[in-house]
Amino acid sequence: MNCGRKTPGGPVDKACDVDLFRLEIGDVEPLKRADRAVLRVASEETPGQRYRRRVAEQDTPEKNCLSTDFAEPLAAEDILCFKRDGVQNGVFRKLKLGAYSVDATLDLHRLSVDKARDEVLRFLYECRRFDVRTALICHGKGRRSEGYPVIKSFLARWLPAIPEIIAFHSARSFHGGTGSVYVLFRKSLKQKEINRRRYCGTR
């Protein structure tokens, strides 16, 4: 093979360069393409995040029940009071007196009505998830609102529409007075079973 170097001013012999390259590397085979999968690491949403996103993106039966169109205006010192049929008077009295331990708290201060509704729905989901029995919702007295306590008024309309809530009453002064409300949730099946075992014994 006659492969001379490029002479000054002369053309480059490209075919010769290719032959030299092949002699240098010898016989080779192309690598077989391995089976590969492209992995994408996605951040996993918590149940609470999924629920908040669902509430924000679409209507749900619960959300449709909690209207933001209108609520009867209440006064700052009005007492919120509600009890479903079947709730024992002694149970309601203990709730009214703040005798139950507060398992969860929600603060709705300075929120818009729409945002407050979403937070109430989120809170409801979390209370279901953790078998909360008694909660405290701080809605404020509306001193910064125009004319009346807006969130308090809407909350008085929303809470009876939630089946899991069986009673509520404005809080004692050490929990915010008429700017907060105690909420009593229906016992879950798990809680009922725990009580049955505690008071009746296991069989």
N, C-alpha and C. Protein backbone atom coordinates (compact mmCIF):
# COMPACT_ATOMS: atom_id res chain seq x y z
N MET A 1 0.86 -1.18 0.00
CA MET A 1 0.00 0.00 0.00
C MET A 1 0.89 1.22 0.00
N ASN A 2 0.69 2.06 -0.91
CA ASN A 2 1.51 3.26 -1.05
C ASN A 2 0.74 4.44 -0.51
N CYS A 3 1.02 4.78 0.76
CA CYS A 3 0.29 5.88 1.38
C CYS A 3 1.30 6.93 1.77
N GLY A 4 1.54 7.80 0.93
CA GLY A 4 2.48 8.87 1.22
C GLY A 4 1.81 9.99 1.97
N ARG A 5 2.63 10.84 2.57
CA ARG A 5 2.08 11.99 3.27
C ARG A 5 1.62 13.04 2.27
N LYS A 6 0.84 13.93 2.77
CA LYS A 6 0.37 15.03 1.93
C LYS A 6 1.56 15.92 1.57
N THR A 7 1.73 16.17 0.31
CA THR A 7 2.81 17.04 -0.15
C THR A 7 2.34 18.47 -0.09
N PRO A 8 3.28 19.37 0.13
CA PRO A 8 2.86 20.77 0.20
C PRO A 8 2.08 21.18 -1.03
N GLY A 9 0.92 21.64 -0.82
CA GLY A 9 0.07 22.10 -1.91
C GLY A 9 -0.65 20.98 -2.61
N GLY A 10 -0.42 19.70 -2.20
CA GLY A 10 -1.05 18.56 -2.88
C GLY A 10 -2.33 18.15 -2.21
N PRO A 11 -3.15 17.30 -2.85
CA PRO A 11 -4.42 16.84 -2.28
C PRO A 11 -4.20 15.81 -1.17
N VAL A 12 -5.21 15.65 -0.30
CA VAL A 12 -5.18 14.65 0.76
C VAL A 12 -5.81 13.37 0.26
N ASP A 13 -5.11 12.22 0.45
CA ASP A 13 -5.63 10.93 0.01
C ASP A 13 -6.51 10.37 1.12
N LYS A 14 -7.82 10.63 1.08
CA LYS A 14 -8.74 10.22 2.13
C LYS A 14 -8.90 8.72 2.19
N ALA A 15 -8.91 8.03 1.05
CA ALA A 15 -9.04 6.57 1.03
C ALA A 15 -7.88 5.92 1.76
N CYS A 16 -6.71 6.49 1.61
CA CYS A 16 -5.53 5.94 2.27
C CYS A 16 -5.64 6.08 3.78
N ASP A 17 -6.15 7.22 4.24
CA ASP A 17 -6.34 7.42 5.69
C ASP A 17 -7.28 6.41 6.28
N VAL A 18 -8.33 6.06 5.58
CA VAL A 18 -9.29 5.07 6.06
C VAL A 18 -8.65 3.71 6.19
N ASP A 19 -7.84 3.33 5.18
CA ASP A 19 -7.17 2.02 5.22
C ASP A 19 -6.21 1.94 6.39
N LEU A 20 -5.49 3.00 6.66
CA LEU A 20 -4.57 3.01 7.80
C LEU A 20 -5.33 2.87 9.12
N PHE A 21 -6.45 3.51 9.24
CA PHE A 21 -7.25 3.44 10.46
C PHE A 21 -7.73 2.02 10.70
N ARG A 22 -8.17 1.35 9.64
CA ARG A 22 -8.65 -0.02 9.77
C ARG A 22 -7.53 -0.97 10.19
N LEU A 23 -6.30 -0.75 9.66
CA LEU A 23 -5.18 -1.59 10.04
C LEU A 23 -4.85 -1.43 11.52
N GLU A 24 -4.98 -0.22 12.03
CA GLU A 24 -4.64 0.05 13.41
C GLU A 24 -5.61 -0.61 14.39
N ILE A 25 -6.89 -0.54 14.12
CA ILE A 25 -7.85 -1.04 15.10
C ILE A 25 -8.16 -2.52 14.92
N GLY A 26 -7.83 -3.12 13.79
CA GLY A 26 -8.08 -4.53 13.56
C GLY A 26 -9.54 -4.84 13.38
N ASP A 27 -9.89 -6.14 13.59
CA ASP A 27 -11.29 -6.56 13.44
C ASP A 27 -12.07 -6.22 14.69
N VAL A 28 -13.11 -5.47 14.56
CA VAL A 28 -13.97 -5.12 15.69
C VAL A 28 -15.42 -5.36 15.31
N GLU A 29 -16.23 -5.59 16.34
CA GLU A 29 -17.67 -5.73 16.14
C GLU A 29 -18.37 -4.64 16.93
N PRO A 30 -19.43 -4.08 16.36
CA PRO A 30 -20.17 -3.04 17.11
C PRO A 30 -20.80 -3.63 18.37
N LEU A 31 -20.80 -2.87 19.42
CA LEU A 31 -21.41 -3.31 20.68
C LEU A 31 -22.91 -3.48 20.52
N LYS A 32 -23.40 -4.58 21.10
CA LYS A 32 -24.85 -4.78 21.08
C LYS A 32 -25.49 -3.82 22.06
N ARG A 33 -26.60 -3.26 21.65
CA ARG A 33 -27.31 -2.31 22.51
C ARG A 33 -28.04 -3.06 23.63
N ALA A 34 -27.67 -2.76 24.84
CA ALA A 34 -28.30 -3.43 25.97
C ALA A 34 -29.71 -2.89 26.18
N ASP A 35 -30.57 -3.76 26.71
CA ASP A 35 -31.92 -3.31 27.05
C ASP A 35 -31.82 -2.32 28.21
N ARG A 36 -32.37 -1.15 28.02
CA ARG A 36 -32.30 -0.12 29.04
C ARG A 36 -33.68 0.47 29.30
N ALA A 37 -33.86 0.87 30.51
CA ALA A 37 -35.11 1.54 30.88
C ALA A 37 -34.77 2.90 31.45
N VAL A 38 -35.51 3.88 31.02
CA VAL A 38 -35.30 5.23 31.52
C VAL A 38 -36.12 5.39 32.79
N LEU A 39 -35.44 5.63 33.89
CA LEU A 39 -36.10 5.75 35.18
C LEU A 39 -36.26 7.22 35.53
N ARG A 40 -37.45 7.59 35.92
CA ARG A 40 -37.71 8.95 36.36
C ARG A 40 -38.15 8.91 37.81
N VAL A 41 -37.43 9.59 38.64
CA VAL A 41 -37.75 9.62 40.06
C VAL A 41 -38.82 10.69 40.29
N ALA A 42 -39.98 10.26 40.69
CA ALA A 42 -41.08 11.19 40.94
C ALA A 42 -41.29 11.32 42.43
N SER A 43 -41.53 12.52 42.88
CA SER A 43 -41.79 12.73 44.30
C SER A 43 -43.17 12.16 44.64
N GLU A 44 -43.23 11.35 45.67
CA GLU A 44 -44.48 10.69 46.05
C GLU A 44 -45.34 11.63 46.89
N GLU A 45 -46.57 11.80 46.49
CA GLU A 45 -47.48 12.66 47.23
C GLU A 45 -47.98 11.96 48.47
N THR A 46 -48.14 12.73 49.50
CA THR A 46 -48.76 12.18 50.71
C THR A 46 -50.27 12.14 50.49
N PRO A 47 -51.00 11.32 51.28
CA PRO A 47 -52.46 11.31 51.13
C PRO A 47 -53.08 12.69 51.30
N GLY A 48 -52.55 13.47 52.22
CA GLY A 48 -53.08 14.82 52.42
C GLY A 48 -52.87 15.71 51.21
N GLN A 49 -51.70 15.60 50.56
CA GLN A 49 -51.42 16.39 49.37
C GLN A 49 -52.34 15.97 48.23
N ARG A 50 -52.55 14.67 48.08
CA ARG A 50 -53.44 14.19 47.02
C ARG A 50 -54.86 14.72 47.22
N TYR A 51 -55.31 14.68 48.49
CA TYR A 51 -56.67 15.16 48.78
C TYR A 51 -56.79 16.65 48.52
N ARG A 52 -55.79 17.44 48.95
CA ARG A 52 -55.84 18.88 48.73
C ARG A 52 -55.84 19.20 47.24
N ARG A 53 -55.04 18.44 46.47
CA ARG A 53 -54.99 18.68 45.03
C ARG A 53 -56.33 18.33 44.40
N ARG A 54 -56.94 17.23 44.84
CA ARG A 54 -58.23 16.82 44.28
C ARG A 54 -59.31 17.84 44.58
N VAL A 55 -59.28 18.35 45.82
CA VAL A 55 -60.26 19.37 46.21
C VAL A 55 -60.09 20.62 45.37
N ALA A 56 -58.81 21.00 45.11
CA ALA A 56 -58.54 22.23 44.38
C ALA A 56 -58.89 22.10 42.90
N GLU A 57 -58.73 20.88 42.34
CA GLU A 57 -58.87 20.71 40.89
C GLU A 57 -60.27 20.36 40.45
N GLN A 58 -61.06 19.78 41.30
CA GLN A 58 -62.38 19.34 40.86
C GLN A 58 -63.38 19.44 41.98
N ASP A 59 -64.65 19.42 41.58
CA ASP A 59 -65.71 19.42 42.57
C ASP A 59 -65.84 18.04 43.18
N THR A 60 -66.11 17.98 44.45
CA THR A 60 -66.40 16.73 45.14
C THR A 60 -67.76 16.86 45.80
N PRO A 61 -68.40 15.73 46.14
CA PRO A 61 -69.70 15.83 46.82
C PRO A 61 -69.62 16.67 48.08
N GLU A 62 -68.53 16.52 48.85
CA GLU A 62 -68.39 17.30 50.07
C GLU A 62 -68.26 18.78 49.76
N LYS A 63 -67.45 19.08 48.74
CA LYS A 63 -67.23 20.47 48.40
C LYS A 63 -68.52 21.11 47.92
N ASN A 64 -69.33 20.36 47.18
CA ASN A 64 -70.58 20.89 46.69
C ASN A 64 -71.56 21.18 47.82
N CYS A 65 -71.43 20.45 48.93
CA CYS A 65 -72.31 20.68 50.07
C CYS A 65 -71.95 21.94 50.84
N LEU A 66 -70.70 22.36 50.75
CA LEU A 66 -70.24 23.52 51.49
C LEU A 66 -70.25 24.72 50.56
N SER A 67 -71.39 25.35 50.45
CA SER A 67 -71.56 26.47 49.52
C SER A 67 -70.85 27.71 50.06
N THR A 68 -70.30 28.48 49.13
CA THR A 68 -69.69 29.77 49.48
C THR A 68 -70.54 30.94 48.98
N ASP A 69 -71.77 30.65 48.57
CA ASP A 69 -72.62 31.69 48.00
C ASP A 69 -73.15 32.65 49.06
N PHE A 70 -73.65 32.08 50.15
CA PHE A 70 -74.28 32.94 51.15
C PHE A 70 -74.30 32.23 52.50
N ALA A 71 -74.14 33.01 53.57
CA ALA A 71 -74.30 32.50 54.92
C ALA A 71 -74.99 33.58 55.76
N GLU A 72 -75.90 33.16 56.60
CA GLU A 72 -76.59 34.10 57.47
C GLU A 72 -75.58 34.80 58.38
N PRO A 73 -75.51 36.12 58.33
CA PRO A 73 -74.51 36.83 59.14
C PRO A 73 -74.72 36.62 60.63
N LEU A 74 -73.63 36.32 61.33
CA LEU A 74 -73.66 36.18 62.78
C LEU A 74 -72.90 37.34 63.41
N ALA A 75 -73.10 37.51 64.71
CA ALA A 75 -72.35 38.53 65.45
C ALA A 75 -71.11 37.89 66.07
N ALA A 76 -70.15 38.72 66.42
CA ALA A 76 -68.89 38.22 66.96
C ALA A 76 -69.08 37.37 68.20
N GLU A 77 -70.05 37.72 69.05
CA GLU A 77 -70.24 37.00 70.31
C GLU A 77 -71.34 35.95 70.24
N ASP A 78 -71.91 35.72 69.07
CA ASP A 78 -72.90 34.66 68.94
C ASP A 78 -72.27 33.31 69.25
N ILE A 79 -73.04 32.44 69.89
CA ILE A 79 -72.56 31.10 70.25
C ILE A 79 -73.00 30.09 69.19
N LEU A 80 -72.05 29.33 68.70
CA LEU A 80 -72.36 28.25 67.76
C LEU A 80 -72.74 27.02 68.57
N CYS A 81 -73.86 26.40 68.22
CA CYS A 81 -74.38 25.29 69.02
C CYS A 81 -75.16 24.34 68.10
N PHE A 82 -74.79 23.06 68.12
CA PHE A 82 -75.47 22.08 67.25
C PHE A 82 -75.30 20.70 67.85
N LYS A 83 -76.35 19.89 67.78
CA LYS A 83 -76.31 18.50 68.27
C LYS A 83 -77.24 17.66 67.42
N ARG A 84 -76.74 16.56 66.90
CA ARG A 84 -77.59 15.67 66.12
C ARG A 84 -78.43 14.80 67.06
N ASP A 85 -79.54 14.32 66.52
CA ASP A 85 -80.36 13.38 67.28
C ASP A 85 -79.53 12.15 67.64
N GLY A 86 -79.67 11.71 68.85
CA GLY A 86 -78.94 10.52 69.29
C GLY A 86 -77.72 10.82 70.13
N VAL A 87 -77.24 12.06 70.06
CA VAL A 87 -76.09 12.43 70.90
C VAL A 87 -76.59 12.64 72.33
N GLN A 88 -75.99 11.95 73.26
CA GLN A 88 -76.43 12.03 74.65
C GLN A 88 -76.18 13.42 75.23
N ASN A 89 -77.10 13.84 76.08
CA ASN A 89 -76.97 15.16 76.69
C ASN A 89 -75.68 15.29 77.49
N GLY A 90 -75.30 14.21 78.17
CA GLY A 90 -74.07 14.24 78.96
C GLY A 90 -72.84 14.43 78.09
N VAL A 91 -72.85 13.81 76.92
CA VAL A 91 -71.74 13.95 75.97
C VAL A 91 -71.68 15.39 75.47
N PHE A 92 -72.83 15.94 75.13
CA PHE A 92 -72.87 17.32 74.62
C PHE A 92 -72.46 18.31 75.70
N ARG A 93 -72.85 18.02 76.94
CA ARG A 93 -72.47 18.91 78.04
C ARG A 93 -70.96 18.93 78.23
N LYS A 94 -70.34 17.78 78.14
CA LYS A 94 -68.87 17.71 78.28
C LYS A 94 -68.19 18.46 77.14
N LEU A 95 -68.74 18.36 75.95
CA LEU A 95 -68.18 19.10 74.82
C LEU A 95 -68.29 20.60 75.07
N LYS A 96 -69.45 21.03 75.52
CA LYS A 96 -69.71 22.45 75.78
C LYS A 96 -68.75 23.01 76.83
N LEU A 97 -68.42 22.19 77.83
CA LEU A 97 -67.55 22.61 78.92
C LEU A 97 -66.07 22.48 78.58
N GLY A 98 -65.77 21.99 77.40
CA GLY A 98 -64.37 21.80 77.04
C GLY A 98 -63.70 20.68 77.81
N ALA A 99 -64.49 19.69 78.22
CA ALA A 99 -63.98 18.61 79.05
C ALA A 99 -63.27 17.52 78.25
N TYR A 100 -63.47 17.51 76.95
CA TYR A 100 -62.78 16.52 76.12
C TYR A 100 -61.42 17.07 75.68
N SER A 101 -60.46 16.17 75.60
CA SER A 101 -59.14 16.59 75.11
C SER A 101 -59.23 16.90 73.62
N VAL A 102 -58.55 17.95 73.21
CA VAL A 102 -58.56 18.36 71.80
C VAL A 102 -57.49 17.58 71.05
N ASP A 103 -57.92 16.80 70.08
CA ASP A 103 -56.99 15.94 69.33
C ASP A 103 -56.39 16.62 68.11
N ALA A 104 -57.05 17.65 67.59
CA ALA A 104 -56.56 18.33 66.38
C ALA A 104 -57.10 19.76 66.37
N THR A 105 -56.33 20.66 65.76
CA THR A 105 -56.71 22.07 65.71
C THR A 105 -56.56 22.62 64.31
N LEU A 106 -57.51 23.45 63.90
CA LEU A 106 -57.46 24.13 62.60
C LEU A 106 -57.62 25.63 62.81
N ASP A 107 -56.74 26.41 62.20
CA ASP A 107 -56.80 27.86 62.31
C ASP A 107 -57.22 28.45 60.96
N LEU A 108 -58.35 29.17 60.95
CA LEU A 108 -58.88 29.74 59.71
C LEU A 108 -58.72 31.26 59.66
N HIS A 109 -57.97 31.82 60.57
CA HIS A 109 -57.80 33.27 60.60
C HIS A 109 -57.23 33.79 59.28
N ARG A 110 -57.79 34.91 58.82
CA ARG A 110 -57.30 35.67 57.67
C ARG A 110 -57.35 34.89 56.35
N LEU A 111 -58.20 33.89 56.27
CA LEU A 111 -58.37 33.15 55.01
C LEU A 111 -59.61 33.67 54.28
N SER A 112 -59.57 33.55 52.95
CA SER A 112 -60.77 33.83 52.17
C SER A 112 -61.79 32.72 52.41
N VAL A 113 -63.03 32.96 52.00
CA VAL A 113 -64.06 31.94 52.20
C VAL A 113 -63.73 30.68 51.41
N ASP A 114 -63.30 30.82 50.16
CA ASP A 114 -62.95 29.65 49.35
C ASP A 114 -61.80 28.88 49.96
N LYS A 115 -60.78 29.59 50.41
CA LYS A 115 -59.63 28.93 51.02
C LYS A 115 -60.01 28.26 52.32
N ALA A 116 -60.87 28.91 53.10
CA ALA A 116 -61.32 28.33 54.36
C ALA A 116 -62.08 27.03 54.11
N ARG A 117 -62.90 27.01 53.07
CA ARG A 117 -63.64 25.78 52.75
C ARG A 117 -62.69 24.65 52.40
N ASP A 118 -61.68 24.95 51.59
CA ASP A 118 -60.71 23.91 51.22
C ASP A 118 -59.96 23.40 52.45
N GLU A 119 -59.64 24.31 53.37
CA GLU A 119 -58.93 23.90 54.58
C GLU A 119 -59.83 23.06 55.48
N VAL A 120 -61.11 23.38 55.55
CA VAL A 120 -62.04 22.57 56.33
C VAL A 120 -62.13 21.16 55.75
N LEU A 121 -62.20 21.05 54.44
CA LEU A 121 -62.27 19.74 53.80
C LEU A 121 -60.98 18.95 54.02
N ARG A 122 -59.85 19.63 53.93
CA ARG A 122 -58.57 18.96 54.18
C ARG A 122 -58.51 18.47 55.62
N PHE A 123 -58.95 19.34 56.54
CA PHE A 123 -58.94 19.00 57.96
C PHE A 123 -59.86 17.81 58.23
N LEU A 124 -61.00 17.79 57.58
CA LEU A 124 -61.94 16.68 57.73
C LEU A 124 -61.28 15.38 57.30
N TYR A 125 -60.56 15.40 56.19
CA TYR A 125 -59.89 14.21 55.70
C TYR A 125 -58.86 13.72 56.73
N GLU A 126 -58.07 14.64 57.27
CA GLU A 126 -57.05 14.27 58.23
C GLU A 126 -57.68 13.73 59.51
N CYS A 127 -58.79 14.30 59.95
CA CYS A 127 -59.46 13.81 61.14
C CYS A 127 -59.99 12.40 60.93
N ARG A 128 -60.53 12.12 59.76
CA ARG A 128 -60.97 10.77 59.45
C ARG A 128 -59.80 9.80 59.49
N ARG A 129 -58.71 10.22 58.87
CA ARG A 129 -57.54 9.36 58.74
C ARG A 129 -56.96 8.96 60.09
N PHE A 130 -56.95 9.90 61.03
CA PHE A 130 -56.32 9.65 62.33
C PHE A 130 -57.34 9.40 63.44
N ASP A 131 -58.59 9.14 63.08
CA ASP A 131 -59.63 8.80 64.06
C ASP A 131 -59.76 9.87 65.15
N VAL A 132 -59.75 11.12 64.73
CA VAL A 132 -59.92 12.22 65.69
C VAL A 132 -61.34 12.21 66.23
N ARG A 133 -61.46 12.38 67.53
CA ARG A 133 -62.77 12.40 68.16
C ARG A 133 -63.23 13.83 68.44
N THR A 134 -62.34 14.66 68.97
CA THR A 134 -62.68 16.05 69.29
C THR A 134 -61.64 16.98 68.69
N ALA A 135 -62.11 18.03 68.02
CA ALA A 135 -61.20 18.99 67.39
C ALA A 135 -61.61 20.40 67.77
N LEU A 136 -60.70 21.32 67.52
CA LEU A 136 -60.95 22.75 67.77
C LEU A 136 -60.68 23.52 66.49
N ILE A 137 -61.68 24.26 66.02
CA ILE A 137 -61.50 25.10 64.84
C ILE A 137 -61.55 26.57 65.28
N CYS A 138 -60.47 27.27 64.98
CA CYS A 138 -60.37 28.69 65.34
C CYS A 138 -60.75 29.53 64.13
N HIS A 139 -61.89 30.17 64.21
CA HIS A 139 -62.40 30.93 63.06
C HIS A 139 -62.30 32.44 63.26
N GLY A 140 -62.07 32.87 64.49
CA GLY A 140 -61.98 34.30 64.77
C GLY A 140 -63.33 34.94 64.97
N LYS A 141 -63.30 36.18 65.40
CA LYS A 141 -64.53 36.94 65.64
C LYS A 141 -64.80 37.97 64.56
N GLY A 142 -64.00 37.96 63.53
CA GLY A 142 -64.25 38.84 62.40
C GLY A 142 -64.02 40.31 62.67
N ARG A 143 -63.12 40.63 63.56
CA ARG A 143 -62.88 42.05 63.87
C ARG A 143 -62.26 42.79 62.70
N ARG A 144 -61.62 42.06 61.79
CA ARG A 144 -61.05 42.69 60.60
C ARG A 144 -61.99 42.60 59.39
N SER A 145 -63.13 41.92 59.58
CA SER A 145 -64.08 41.79 58.48
C SER A 145 -64.96 43.03 58.40
N GLU A 146 -65.59 43.18 57.28
CA GLU A 146 -66.48 44.33 57.09
C GLU A 146 -67.90 43.96 57.52
N GLY A 147 -68.28 44.41 58.69
CA GLY A 147 -69.67 44.25 59.12
C GLY A 147 -69.94 43.06 60.01
N TYR A 148 -69.41 41.87 59.69
CA TYR A 148 -69.72 40.68 60.48
C TYR A 148 -68.61 39.64 60.30
N PRO A 149 -68.52 38.65 61.21
CA PRO A 149 -67.49 37.61 61.10
C PRO A 149 -67.82 36.62 59.98
N VAL A 150 -67.21 36.80 58.84
CA VAL A 150 -67.57 36.03 57.64
C VAL A 150 -67.29 34.55 57.81
N ILE A 151 -66.06 34.20 58.18
CA ILE A 151 -65.69 32.78 58.28
C ILE A 151 -66.53 32.07 59.34
N LYS A 152 -66.76 32.73 60.45
CA LYS A 152 -67.60 32.14 61.50
C LYS A 152 -69.00 31.86 60.97
N SER A 153 -69.54 32.78 60.22
CA SER A 153 -70.90 32.62 59.69
C SER A 153 -70.97 31.46 58.71
N PHE A 154 -69.97 31.34 57.84
CA PHE A 154 -69.98 30.23 56.89
C PHE A 154 -69.74 28.91 57.60
N LEU A 155 -68.89 28.91 58.61
CA LEU A 155 -68.61 27.67 59.34
C LEU A 155 -69.87 27.16 60.03
N ALA A 156 -70.68 28.07 60.55
CA ALA A 156 -71.94 27.67 61.18
C ALA A 156 -72.87 26.99 60.18
N ARG A 157 -72.73 27.34 58.91
CA ARG A 157 -73.54 26.71 57.87
C ARG A 157 -72.92 25.40 57.40
N TRP A 158 -71.59 25.34 57.34
CA TRP A 158 -70.91 24.18 56.79
C TRP A 158 -70.93 22.97 57.72
N LEU A 159 -70.66 23.19 59.00
CA LEU A 159 -70.44 22.06 59.90
C LEU A 159 -71.63 21.09 59.99
N PRO A 160 -72.88 21.58 60.05
CA PRO A 160 -74.00 20.62 60.09
C PRO A 160 -74.14 19.80 58.81
N ALA A 161 -73.54 20.27 57.71
CA ALA A 161 -73.64 19.55 56.43
C ALA A 161 -72.65 18.41 56.32
N ILE A 162 -71.77 18.27 57.30
CA ILE A 162 -70.76 17.21 57.28
C ILE A 162 -71.25 16.06 58.17
N PRO A 163 -71.60 14.91 57.59
CA PRO A 163 -72.21 13.82 58.37
C PRO A 163 -71.34 13.32 59.52
N GLU A 164 -70.04 13.38 59.35
CA GLU A 164 -69.14 12.86 60.39
C GLU A 164 -69.16 13.72 61.66
N ILE A 165 -69.61 14.95 61.54
CA ILE A 165 -69.69 15.85 62.70
C ILE A 165 -71.05 15.68 63.36
N ILE A 166 -71.05 15.27 64.62
CA ILE A 166 -72.32 14.99 65.30
C ILE A 166 -72.69 16.09 66.29
N ALA A 167 -71.75 16.97 66.61
CA ALA A 167 -72.06 18.08 67.52
C ALA A 167 -70.94 19.11 67.46
N PHE A 168 -71.29 20.36 67.75
CA PHE A 168 -70.26 21.38 67.93
C PHE A 168 -70.80 22.46 68.85
N HIS A 169 -69.89 23.19 69.47
CA HIS A 169 -70.27 24.26 70.39
C HIS A 169 -69.12 25.25 70.50
N SER A 170 -69.45 26.53 70.62
CA SER A 170 -68.42 27.54 70.80
C SER A 170 -67.55 27.19 72.02
N ALA A 171 -66.26 27.52 71.93
CA ALA A 171 -65.28 27.07 72.92
C ALA A 171 -65.33 27.90 74.20
N ARG A 172 -64.68 27.36 75.22
CA ARG A 172 -64.48 28.11 76.46
C ARG A 172 -63.44 29.20 76.21
N SER A 173 -63.37 30.15 77.14
CA SER A 173 -62.49 31.31 76.96
C SER A 173 -61.03 30.91 76.80
N PHE A 174 -60.62 29.85 77.49
CA PHE A 174 -59.21 29.43 77.40
C PHE A 174 -58.88 28.79 76.05
N HIS A 175 -59.89 28.53 75.23
CA HIS A 175 -59.68 28.01 73.89
C HIS A 175 -60.11 29.00 72.81
N GLY A 176 -60.34 30.25 73.20
CA GLY A 176 -60.70 31.26 72.21
C GLY A 176 -62.12 31.76 72.29
N GLY A 177 -62.93 31.21 73.19
CA GLY A 177 -64.30 31.69 73.35
C GLY A 177 -65.11 31.60 72.06
N THR A 178 -65.88 32.64 71.78
CA THR A 178 -66.75 32.63 70.60
C THR A 178 -65.97 32.84 69.29
N GLY A 179 -64.65 32.87 69.40
CA GLY A 179 -63.82 32.90 68.19
C GLY A 179 -63.34 31.53 67.77
N SER A 180 -63.79 30.50 68.50
CA SER A 180 -63.41 29.12 68.20
C SER A 180 -64.60 28.20 68.46
N VAL A 181 -64.50 26.98 67.96
CA VAL A 181 -65.61 26.05 68.15
C VAL A 181 -65.06 24.64 68.38
N TYR A 182 -65.63 23.94 69.39
CA TYR A 182 -65.33 22.53 69.59
C TYR A 182 -66.14 21.72 68.59
N VAL A 183 -65.52 20.71 68.01
CA VAL A 183 -66.20 19.85 67.04
C VAL A 183 -66.07 18.40 67.50
N LEU A 184 -67.18 17.72 67.57
CA LEU A 184 -67.21 16.31 67.98
C LEU A 184 -67.51 15.44 66.76
N PHE A 185 -66.62 14.49 66.48
CA PHE A 185 -66.79 13.61 65.33
C PHE A 185 -67.44 12.29 65.74
N ARG A 186 -68.12 11.71 64.79
CA ARG A 186 -68.71 10.40 64.99
C ARG A 186 -67.61 9.37 65.22
N LYS A 187 -67.84 8.42 66.09
CA LYS A 187 -66.83 7.39 66.35
C LYS A 187 -66.67 6.51 65.11
N SER A 188 -65.43 6.21 64.80
CA SER A 188 -65.18 5.29 63.70
C SER A 188 -65.42 3.85 64.17
N LEU A 189 -65.48 2.93 63.23
CA LEU A 189 -65.65 1.51 63.60
C LEU A 189 -64.49 1.04 64.47
N LYS A 190 -63.30 1.56 64.18
CA LYS A 190 -62.13 1.18 64.97
C LYS A 190 -62.28 1.66 66.41
N GLN A 191 -62.74 2.89 66.59
CA GLN A 191 -62.93 3.41 67.94
C GLN A 191 -64.01 2.65 68.69
N LYS A 192 -65.09 2.29 67.99
CA LYS A 192 -66.16 1.53 68.63
C LYS A 192 -65.66 0.17 69.10
N GLU A 193 -64.82 -0.45 68.31
CA GLU A 193 -64.28 -1.75 68.69
C GLU A 193 -63.36 -1.62 69.90
N ILE A 194 -62.55 -0.55 69.93
CA ILE A 194 -61.67 -0.31 71.08
C ILE A 194 -62.49 -0.13 72.35
N ASN A 195 -63.57 0.65 72.27
CA ASN A 195 -64.42 0.88 73.44
C ASN A 195 -65.11 -0.41 73.88
N ARG A 196 -65.53 -1.19 72.90
CA ARG A 196 -66.20 -2.45 73.25
C ARG A 196 -65.25 -3.36 74.02
N ARG A 197 -64.02 -3.44 73.56
CA ARG A 197 -63.03 -4.28 74.24
C ARG A 197 -62.69 -3.72 75.62
N ARG A 198 -62.66 -2.39 75.71
CA ARG A 198 -62.28 -1.76 76.99
C ARG A 198 -63.34 -1.97 78.05
N TYR A 199 -64.60 -1.79 77.68
CA TYR A 199 -65.66 -1.81 78.69
C TYR A 199 -66.38 -3.16 78.79
N CYS A 200 -66.33 -3.95 77.73
CA CYS A 200 -67.04 -5.23 77.76
C CYS A 200 -66.10 -6.42 77.85
N GLY A 201 -64.82 -6.17 77.65
CA GLY A 201 -63.88 -7.28 77.66
C GLY A 201 -63.87 -8.00 76.33
N THR A 202 -62.83 -8.76 76.06
CA THR A 202 -62.72 -9.52 74.81
C THR A 202 -63.32 -10.91 75.02
N ARG A 203 -63.87 -11.40 73.93
CA ARG A 203 -64.47 -12.74 73.99
C ARG A 203 -63.83 -13.62 72.94
